[in-house]
Amino acid sequence: MENKMVRKSNSLIEASYKLSAVEQKIILFLASTIKREDKDFKPYPIRFKDFQGFIGNKSVHYDRIEKMVLKLKGKNLKVIYPNEEGKTTTLNISWLSSSEYVEGSGVVNLCFDPKLKSFFLQLKNSFTNYRLKNVVQLKSQFSIRLYELLKQYEKIGLRLFDVADLRSILGIRKNQYKLYADFKRKVILTAQEELAEKTDISFEIEEIKVGRSVGKIRFFINATANHSRINQIEEIDSVSVIQTQETVKALVQSLPVEYREMESVNRLLKIWAEKQDYDYVARNIEYANAKSNAVNAGAAPGKGSNYRNYLAKALREDFGLPFKEDLEALNASKEKAQQREAEIKKIQKNQADQMRREQKDMDRARAHQDTLSTVDLRSLREEAFESLNEQQRNLVLQKATGSEMIIKIQNSGSLGFRPDPIL
């Protein structure tokens, strides 16, 4: 069990589905029984006793395992992959085509759906493998999925996801973990702790804002202390994909759609992926996408519209670096201006609210004064005069400009309404 391998197509690893941790372990346990030489699916037996040992929980009764297996037949997944003609294909399918259990045998025979053959059998390229033991102890369903998604890019050392895309791949519902803080705590940080403690890889994250919220997450992938020589690939046909191939695959997704399948552009990316790191090539692709006439007509007056040539020159001169720095500075400036604008609006709103409250108090005071007799008004005026400071009294005695307003303000205070401040 320790050395059993799981081999899966990268398209299957990136498929969108949601299974519990135990359901995933059933699928992976089943996948680990497939032999490299298998050319077709056959019923793969799972002994309940072996599966209990695999998940480390002998309290999981046979009846429960049987129910989970039967429930798996109704679980679907969506795989997006290029077909033999290179066209993007979407496959919606169930995991299992059949399950067979003889009462009292303690063994269930499971068979994958035949349309999953190309994702499990005779894999030569664009696949990932890992030792089954790395997922045995993981308790979170998301930890298992993230382990596979990051293991796929282990040789590159980093992987970038749109938060929305990652949620979709993990099968997270729209009303589940709606706040990014909850998604980060329940999914990302839980997986980070589990992977570092129990598997052969760990990761750190960089959160990238799109507007005011986190829109992308960059994962930095590292080997852990659990990573031993036994985890290294022994056979050449069990290697998933070399680092350069995976880097190019990731970079191609940043190209305009019409250039993604151009062999000359892919070859250009391969050359520079071997010379430089991922970020170097990615920032120059971003520069070419924004500045070339081929993508944005009129973006570079007086220059041609050959995207490949424009990208090649950008890569040679690293035009993407100052472009990225200027863009980051501009975004920071915009964010600062937005924060300042928000602060000004808040101050203006508070001032307007204060003026409305003060006007309302004055109106209430005047309305109340209108109900008082002449004697009461005289008494109220005398009381207000006595409460003034010496400077204010002199202004009233001199009948100076504004002195009557001072008395009115003090009157409103005497009537129990909030007066304006008297300076």
Protein backbone atom coordinates (compact mmCIF):
# COMPACT_ATOMS: atom_id res chain seq x y z
CA MET A 1 0.00 0.00 0.00
CA GLU A 2 2.83 2.38 0.84
CA ASN A 3 4.26 2.36 -2.68
CA LYS A 4 1.03 2.22 -4.70
CA MET A 5 0.91 4.95 -7.33
CA VAL A 6 -1.96 7.08 -8.59
CA ARG A 7 -1.66 8.18 -12.23
CA LYS A 8 -4.18 10.66 -13.59
CA SER A 9 -4.41 12.83 -16.68
CA ASN A 10 -3.87 16.51 -15.91
CA SER A 11 -7.27 17.25 -17.46
CA LEU A 12 -8.87 14.92 -14.90
CA ILE A 13 -6.97 16.57 -12.05
CA GLU A 14 -8.34 19.93 -13.19
CA ALA A 15 -11.89 18.61 -13.64
CA SER A 16 -14.73 20.21 -11.71
CA TYR A 17 -16.36 17.92 -9.14
CA LYS A 18 -17.10 17.57 -5.46
CA LEU A 19 -16.58 14.39 -3.47
CA SER A 20 -16.18 13.89 0.26
CA ALA A 21 -12.72 12.96 1.55
CA VAL A 22 -13.71 9.28 1.89
CA GLU A 23 -15.34 9.23 -1.57
CA GLN A 24 -12.16 10.65 -3.09
CA LYS A 25 -10.12 8.02 -1.30
CA ILE A 26 -12.31 5.28 -2.80
CA ILE A 27 -11.63 6.66 -6.29
CA LEU A 28 -7.90 7.02 -5.63
CA PHE A 29 -7.68 3.59 -4.01
CA LEU A 30 -9.37 2.19 -7.12
CA ALA A 31 -7.07 4.18 -9.44
CA SER A 32 -4.00 2.81 -7.65
CA THR A 33 -5.02 -0.74 -8.60
CA ILE A 34 -4.79 0.08 -12.33
CA LYS A 35 -1.64 -1.36 -13.89
CA ARG A 36 0.53 0.54 -16.36
CA GLU A 37 0.05 -2.13 -18.98
CA ASP A 38 -3.76 -2.15 -18.72
CA LYS A 39 -5.31 -1.27 -22.10
CA ASP A 40 -8.89 -1.42 -20.95
CA PHE A 41 -10.83 -1.07 -17.72
CA LYS A 42 -11.81 -4.19 -15.89
CA PRO A 43 -13.63 -4.73 -12.62
CA TYR A 44 -11.16 -3.73 -9.91
CA PRO A 45 -11.80 -5.44 -6.56
CA ILE A 46 -11.76 -3.51 -3.30
CA ARG A 47 -11.63 -5.59 -0.16
CA PHE A 48 -13.47 -3.75 2.60
CA LYS A 49 -10.87 -4.90 5.09
CA ASP A 50 -8.06 -3.43 2.97
CA PHE A 51 -9.96 -0.17 2.55
CA GLN A 52 -10.50 0.10 6.29
CA GLY A 53 -6.76 -0.22 6.77
CA PHE A 54 -6.13 2.27 3.99
CA ILE A 55 -8.23 5.02 5.58
CA GLY A 56 -7.03 4.05 9.05
CA ASN A 57 -10.54 3.67 10.42
CA LYS A 58 -11.71 0.16 11.23
CA SER A 59 -14.92 1.60 12.69
CA VAL A 60 -16.16 2.31 9.16
CA HIS A 61 -18.48 -0.67 8.76
CA TYR A 62 -18.80 -2.65 5.54
CA ASP A 63 -22.40 -1.51 5.14
CA ARG A 64 -21.30 2.12 5.20
CA ILE A 65 -18.54 1.49 2.64
CA GLU A 66 -21.08 -0.27 0.41
CA LYS A 67 -23.48 2.69 0.68
CA MET A 68 -20.70 5.15 -0.18
CA VAL A 69 -19.71 3.08 -3.21
CA LEU A 70 -23.30 2.93 -4.44
CA LYS A 71 -23.67 6.68 -3.87
CA LEU A 72 -20.56 7.26 -5.97
CA LYS A 73 -22.38 5.96 -9.04
CA GLY A 74 -24.54 9.08 -8.92
CA LYS A 75 -21.65 11.52 -8.58
CA ASN A 76 -20.71 13.39 -11.75
CA LEU A 77 -17.70 15.37 -12.89
CA LYS A 78 -17.01 17.81 -15.71
CA VAL A 79 -13.77 17.38 -17.64
CA ILE A 80 -12.57 19.96 -20.17
CA TYR A 81 -9.83 18.68 -22.47
CA PRO A 82 -8.49 18.94 -26.04
CA ASN A 83 -9.68 16.10 -28.27
CA GLU A 84 -7.57 14.38 -30.96
CA GLU A 85 -8.21 17.30 -33.32
CA GLY A 86 -7.09 19.80 -30.72
CA LYS A 87 -10.59 21.18 -30.14
CA THR A 88 -11.76 21.95 -26.62
CA THR A 89 -14.21 19.28 -25.47
CA THR A 90 -16.42 19.24 -22.37
CA LEU A 91 -17.32 15.84 -20.94
CA ASN A 92 -19.98 15.43 -18.24
CA ILE A 93 -19.77 11.92 -16.85
CA SER A 94 -20.18 9.65 -13.82
CA TRP A 95 -17.15 8.12 -12.14
CA LEU A 96 -18.35 4.49 -12.14
CA SER A 97 -20.15 2.42 -14.73
CA SER A 98 -20.82 -0.51 -12.39
CA SER A 99 -20.35 -1.91 -8.92
CA GLU A 100 -20.84 -5.56 -7.99
CA TYR A 101 -21.09 -6.87 -4.46
CA VAL A 102 -21.79 -10.43 -3.33
CA GLU A 103 -23.37 -10.49 0.10
CA GLY A 104 -20.96 -11.63 2.79
CA SER A 105 -17.90 -11.57 0.49
CA GLY A 106 -16.38 -8.40 1.92
CA VAL A 107 -15.31 -7.45 -1.60
CA VAL A 108 -16.87 -5.02 -4.06
CA ASN A 109 -15.87 -4.97 -7.75
CA LEU A 110 -15.88 -1.50 -9.25
CA CYS A 111 -15.41 -0.37 -12.82
CA PHE A 112 -14.70 3.14 -14.08
CA ASP A 113 -16.88 4.53 -16.84
CA PRO A 114 -15.32 3.53 -20.20
CA LYS A 115 -15.13 7.17 -21.33
CA LEU A 116 -12.57 7.79 -18.57
CA LYS A 117 -10.06 5.42 -20.22
CA SER A 118 -7.99 8.19 -21.80
CA PHE A 119 -7.64 9.86 -18.39
CA PHE A 120 -6.29 6.75 -16.60
CA LEU A 121 -4.86 4.26 -19.09
CA GLN A 122 -1.72 4.18 -21.24
CA LEU A 123 -0.71 7.68 -20.16
CA LYS A 124 2.40 8.94 -21.96
CA ASN A 125 2.30 12.69 -21.41
CA SER A 126 0.34 15.44 -19.67
CA PHE A 127 -0.30 13.39 -16.56
CA THR A 128 0.66 13.49 -12.90
CA ASN A 129 1.49 10.66 -10.57
CA TYR A 130 2.03 10.46 -6.84
CA ARG A 131 2.19 7.88 -4.10
CA LEU A 132 -1.15 6.95 -2.60
CA LYS A 133 0.22 7.30 0.91
CA ASN A 134 0.33 11.08 0.49
CA VAL A 135 -3.46 11.40 0.61
CA VAL A 136 -4.23 8.67 3.17
CA GLN A 137 -4.16 10.93 6.22
CA LEU A 138 -5.78 14.01 4.69
CA LYS A 139 -9.13 14.72 6.32
CA SER A 140 -10.38 17.65 4.25
CA GLN A 141 -11.87 16.95 0.83
CA PHE A 142 -10.30 20.21 -0.37
CA SER A 143 -6.86 19.22 0.93
CA ILE A 144 -6.88 16.16 -1.34
CA ARG A 145 -7.90 18.23 -4.38
CA LEU A 146 -5.34 20.96 -3.68
CA TYR A 147 -2.64 18.35 -3.17
CA GLU A 148 -3.26 17.00 -6.69
CA LEU A 149 -3.53 20.46 -8.27
CA LEU A 150 -0.24 21.58 -6.71
CA LYS A 151 1.54 18.26 -7.19
CA GLN A 152 0.84 18.73 -10.90
CA TYR A 153 2.99 21.89 -10.84
CA GLU A 154 5.57 20.77 -8.28
CA LYS A 155 8.48 20.93 -10.75
CA ILE A 156 7.53 24.49 -11.76
CA GLY A 157 7.28 25.53 -8.12
CA LEU A 158 4.30 27.83 -8.50
CA ARG A 159 0.74 27.88 -9.77
CA LEU A 160 -1.66 30.78 -10.31
CA PHE A 161 -5.44 30.44 -9.95
CA ASP A 162 -8.33 32.83 -10.38
CA VAL A 163 -10.29 32.49 -7.13
CA ALA A 164 -13.50 31.91 -9.12
CA ASP A 165 -11.86 29.16 -11.21
CA LEU A 166 -10.43 27.45 -8.15
CA ARG A 167 -13.83 27.48 -6.42
CA SER A 168 -15.37 25.90 -9.53
CA ILE A 169 -12.71 23.17 -9.78
CA LEU A 170 -13.20 22.33 -6.10
CA GLY A 171 -16.97 22.09 -6.58
CA ILE A 172 -17.71 24.84 -4.06
CA ARG A 173 -21.28 26.10 -4.33
CA LYS A 174 -22.01 29.81 -4.90
CA ASN A 175 -23.60 30.15 -1.46
CA GLN A 176 -20.74 28.27 0.26
CA TYR A 177 -17.88 30.30 1.77
CA LYS A 178 -19.21 33.42 0.03
CA LEU A 179 -16.77 35.63 1.96
CA TYR A 180 -13.18 35.27 0.80
CA ALA A 181 -12.05 35.20 4.45
CA ASP A 182 -14.14 32.05 5.03
CA PHE A 183 -12.89 30.44 1.80
CA LYS A 184 -9.30 31.17 2.81
CA ARG A 185 -9.74 29.83 6.35
CA LYS A 186 -11.81 26.73 5.59
CA VAL A 187 -10.18 25.69 2.32
CA ILE A 188 -6.74 27.24 1.73
CA LEU A 189 -5.33 27.44 5.27
CA THR A 190 -6.73 24.03 6.26
CA ALA A 191 -5.05 22.46 3.23
CA GLN A 192 -1.84 24.38 3.90
CA GLU A 193 -1.59 22.92 7.40
CA GLU A 194 -2.52 19.38 6.35
CA LEU A 195 -0.21 19.21 3.34
CA ALA A 196 2.80 20.51 5.26
CA GLU A 197 2.24 17.99 8.07
CA LYS A 198 1.16 14.89 6.16
CA THR A 199 2.39 14.98 2.54
CA ASP A 200 5.54 15.45 0.49
CA ILE A 201 4.73 19.05 -0.54
CA SER A 202 3.83 22.28 1.19
CA PHE A 203 2.88 25.72 -0.07
CA GLU A 204 2.76 29.43 0.65
CA ILE A 205 0.35 31.83 -1.01
CA GLU A 206 0.39 35.32 -2.48
CA GLU A 207 -2.98 37.05 -2.72
CA ILE A 208 -3.43 39.25 -5.79
CA LYS A 209 -6.13 41.89 -5.70
CA VAL A 210 -8.41 42.57 -8.65
CA GLY A 211 -10.05 45.86 -7.79
CA ARG A 212 -10.59 45.90 -4.05
CA SER A 213 -10.92 42.18 -3.44
CA VAL A 214 -8.63 39.16 -3.80
CA GLY A 215 -9.15 37.86 -7.35
CA LYS A 216 -6.15 35.56 -7.81
CA ILE A 217 -3.98 33.34 -5.61
CA ARG A 218 -0.42 32.37 -6.49
CA PHE A 219 0.75 29.16 -4.79
CA PHE A 220 4.48 28.66 -4.15
CA ILE A 221 5.09 24.91 -3.95
CA ASN A 222 7.91 23.31 -1.94
CA ALA A 223 9.02 19.82 -0.98
CA THR A 224 8.58 18.98 2.70
CA ALA A 225 10.71 16.98 5.10
CA ASN A 226 8.46 14.02 4.22
CA HIS A 227 9.77 14.12 0.66
CA SER A 228 12.19 11.19 0.38
CA ARG A 229 14.03 9.49 -2.44
CA ILE A 230 11.30 6.89 -2.64
CA ASN A 231 8.99 9.65 -3.85
CA GLN A 232 11.24 10.42 -6.80
CA ILE A 233 10.19 9.02 -10.16
CA GLU A 234 11.92 5.72 -10.90
CA GLU A 235 10.70 4.98 -14.42
CA ILE A 236 10.92 7.36 -17.35
CA ASP A 237 7.35 6.55 -18.45
CA SER A 238 6.00 7.52 -15.04
CA VAL A 239 7.27 11.09 -15.26
CA SER A 240 4.28 13.46 -15.39
CA VAL A 241 5.58 16.31 -17.57
CA ILE A 242 8.96 18.01 -17.54
CA GLN A 243 9.18 21.47 -16.03
CA THR A 244 9.50 23.35 -19.31
CA GLN A 245 6.44 21.68 -20.83
CA GLU A 246 4.30 22.52 -17.84
CA THR A 247 5.61 26.09 -17.73
CA VAL A 248 4.78 26.58 -21.41
CA LYS A 249 1.34 25.08 -20.88
CA ALA A 250 0.65 27.58 -18.10
CA LEU A 251 2.01 30.50 -20.13
CA VAL A 252 -0.02 29.62 -23.22
CA GLN A 253 -3.19 30.35 -21.25
CA SER A 254 -2.07 34.00 -21.00
CA LEU A 255 -1.87 34.39 -24.79
CA PRO A 256 -4.74 35.82 -26.84
CA VAL A 257 -6.94 32.89 -27.90
CA GLU A 258 -6.03 33.15 -31.58
CA TYR A 259 -2.31 32.59 -30.84
CA ARG A 260 -2.52 29.73 -28.33
CA GLU A 261 -2.25 26.96 -30.93
CA MET A 262 0.40 28.63 -33.12
CA GLU A 263 3.46 26.39 -33.11
CA SER A 264 5.86 29.30 -33.67
CA VAL A 265 4.53 31.18 -30.62
CA ASN A 266 4.62 28.03 -28.48
CA ARG A 267 8.20 27.41 -29.59
CA LEU A 268 9.10 30.99 -28.66
CA LEU A 269 7.65 30.48 -25.18
CA LYS A 270 9.57 27.21 -24.80
CA ILE A 271 12.88 28.91 -25.65
CA TRP A 272 12.33 31.68 -23.10
CA ALA A 273 10.88 29.36 -20.45
CA GLU A 274 14.21 27.51 -20.56
CA LYS A 275 16.19 30.76 -20.29
CA GLN A 276 14.15 32.62 -17.70
CA ASP A 277 11.55 31.96 -15.01
CA TYR A 278 7.79 31.95 -15.30
CA ASP A 279 7.28 35.54 -14.09
CA TYR A 280 9.76 36.91 -16.64
CA VAL A 281 7.89 35.40 -19.59
CA ALA A 282 4.42 36.09 -18.13
CA ARG A 283 5.02 39.84 -17.68
CA ASN A 284 6.24 40.18 -21.27
CA ILE A 285 3.18 38.34 -22.56
CA GLU A 286 1.06 40.80 -20.59
CA TYR A 287 3.01 43.69 -22.13
CA ALA A 288 2.56 42.34 -25.67
CA ASN A 289 -1.15 41.76 -25.08
CA ALA A 290 -1.60 45.39 -24.05
CA LYS A 291 0.76 47.14 -26.47
CA SER A 292 0.81 45.22 -29.76
CA ASN A 293 -1.27 46.36 -32.70
CA ALA A 294 -2.14 42.73 -33.41
CA VAL A 295 -4.21 42.59 -30.24
CA ASN A 296 -5.13 46.27 -29.79
CA ALA A 297 -5.29 48.06 -33.14
CA GLY A 298 -3.54 51.45 -32.92
CA ALA A 299 -1.83 50.69 -29.61
CA ALA A 300 1.63 51.18 -31.18
CA PRO A 301 1.36 53.78 -33.99
CA GLY A 302 3.92 53.36 -36.78
CA LYS A 303 4.68 49.74 -35.89
CA GLY A 304 3.61 46.45 -37.47
CA SER A 305 0.94 44.08 -36.29
CA ASN A 306 2.89 40.81 -36.02
CA TYR A 307 2.18 39.55 -32.50
CA ARG A 308 4.96 36.94 -32.51
CA ASN A 309 7.62 39.52 -33.48
CA TYR A 310 6.32 42.00 -30.93
CA LEU A 311 6.39 39.37 -28.18
CA ALA A 312 9.88 38.20 -29.21
CA LYS A 313 11.26 41.75 -28.94
CA ALA A 314 9.56 42.27 -25.60
CA LEU A 315 11.16 39.06 -24.29
CA ARG A 316 14.61 40.09 -25.55
CA GLU A 317 14.46 43.56 -23.96
CA ASP A 318 12.24 42.64 -20.99
CA PHE A 319 9.83 45.48 -21.73
CA GLY A 320 7.42 43.72 -19.42
CA LEU A 321 9.36 44.71 -16.29
CA PRO A 322 8.87 48.52 -16.47
CA PHE A 323 5.36 47.91 -17.83
CA LYS A 324 4.52 45.79 -14.79
CA GLU A 325 6.11 48.31 -12.41
CA ASP A 326 4.23 51.23 -14.01
CA LEU A 327 0.97 49.28 -13.91
CA GLU A 328 1.45 48.40 -10.24
CA ALA A 329 2.25 52.05 -9.44
CA LEU A 330 -0.83 53.21 -11.38
CA ASN A 331 -3.05 50.72 -9.61
CA ALA A 332 -1.63 51.77 -6.24
CA SER A 333 -2.26 55.43 -7.12
CA LYS A 334 -5.83 54.66 -8.21
CA GLU A 335 -6.49 52.71 -5.05
CA LYS A 336 -5.10 55.56 -2.94
CA ALA A 337 -7.27 58.09 -4.83
CA GLN A 338 -10.32 55.88 -4.34
CA GLN A 339 -9.61 55.63 -0.62
CA ARG A 340 -9.22 59.42 -0.40
CA GLU A 341 -12.46 59.95 -2.34
CA ALA A 342 -14.25 57.55 -0.02
CA GLU A 343 -12.91 59.42 3.02
CA ILE A 344 -14.06 62.80 1.61
CA LYS A 345 -17.52 61.42 0.87
CA LYS A 346 -17.73 60.06 4.40
CA ILE A 347 -16.75 63.45 5.90
CA GLN A 348 -19.26 65.26 3.68
CA LYS A 349 -21.99 62.84 4.66
CA ASN A 350 -21.22 63.27 8.36
CA GLN A 351 -21.30 67.05 7.98
CA ALA A 352 -24.61 66.93 6.10
CA ASP A 353 -26.10 64.61 8.73
CA GLN A 354 -24.93 66.96 11.49
CA MET A 355 -26.45 70.00 9.77
CA ARG A 356 -29.77 68.17 9.35
CA ARG A 357 -29.80 67.21 13.03
CA GLU A 358 -28.99 70.76 14.14
CA GLN A 359 -31.65 72.27 11.87
CA LYS A 360 -34.20 69.80 13.19
CA ASP A 361 -33.32 70.74 16.78
CA MET A 362 -33.63 74.45 16.00
CA ASP A 363 -37.02 73.90 14.35
CA ARG A 364 -38.27 71.98 17.35
CA ALA A 365 -37.02 74.70 19.69
CA ARG A 366 -38.75 77.44 17.70
CA ALA A 367 -41.97 75.44 17.55
CA HIS A 368 -41.89 75.01 21.31
CA GLN A 369 -41.16 78.69 21.94
CA ASP A 370 -44.25 79.63 19.92
CA THR A 371 -46.37 77.89 22.57
CA LEU A 372 -44.87 79.92 25.47
CA SER A 373 -46.41 83.05 27.04
CA THR A 374 -44.69 86.45 27.05
CA VAL A 375 -43.74 85.97 30.72
CA ASP A 376 -42.25 82.54 30.02
CA LEU A 377 -40.28 83.87 27.05
CA ARG A 378 -38.91 86.74 29.13
CA SER A 379 -37.91 84.33 31.88
CA LEU A 380 -36.31 82.02 29.34
CA ARG A 381 -34.36 84.93 27.80
CA GLU A 382 -33.08 86.00 31.23
CA GLU A 383 -32.04 82.43 32.00
CA ALA A 384 -30.22 82.20 28.67
CA PHE A 385 -28.47 85.54 29.28
CA GLU A 386 -27.26 84.38 32.71
CA SER A 387 -25.75 81.22 31.21
CA LEU A 388 -23.58 83.22 28.77
CA ASN A 389 -19.93 83.97 29.41
CA GLU A 390 -18.80 87.54 29.97
CA GLN A 391 -17.80 88.18 26.34
CA GLN A 392 -21.16 86.93 25.07
CA ARG A 393 -23.08 89.06 27.59
CA ASN A 394 -21.27 92.21 26.42
CA LEU A 395 -22.19 91.44 22.81
CA VAL A 396 -25.85 91.07 23.79
CA LEU A 397 -25.85 94.31 25.86
CA GLN A 398 -24.26 96.15 22.94
CA LYS A 399 -26.80 94.59 20.61
CA ALA A 400 -23.90 93.52 18.41
CA THR A 401 -24.40 91.61 15.17
CA GLY A 402 -25.24 87.98 15.98
CA SER A 403 -26.10 88.63 19.60
CA GLU A 404 -29.74 87.65 19.13
CA MET A 405 -28.64 84.37 17.54
CA ILE A 406 -26.57 83.64 20.64
CA ILE A 407 -29.66 84.08 22.83
CA LYS A 408 -31.75 81.85 20.53
CA ILE A 409 -29.14 79.13 20.62
CA GLN A 410 -28.99 79.25 24.39
CA ASN A 411 -32.77 79.20 24.54
CA SER A 412 -32.89 75.99 22.52
CA GLY A 413 -30.48 74.44 24.98
CA SER A 414 -32.59 75.55 27.91
CA LEU A 415 -35.63 73.95 26.28
CA GLY A 416 -33.89 70.60 26.29
CA PHE A 417 -32.80 70.54 22.65
CA ARG A 418 -29.22 70.10 21.53
CA PRO A 419 -27.80 73.60 20.87
CA ASP A 420 -25.19 74.50 18.29
CA PRO A 421 -21.71 74.95 19.81
CA ILE A 422 -21.02 78.53 21.01
CA LEU A 423 -17.40 79.53 20.57
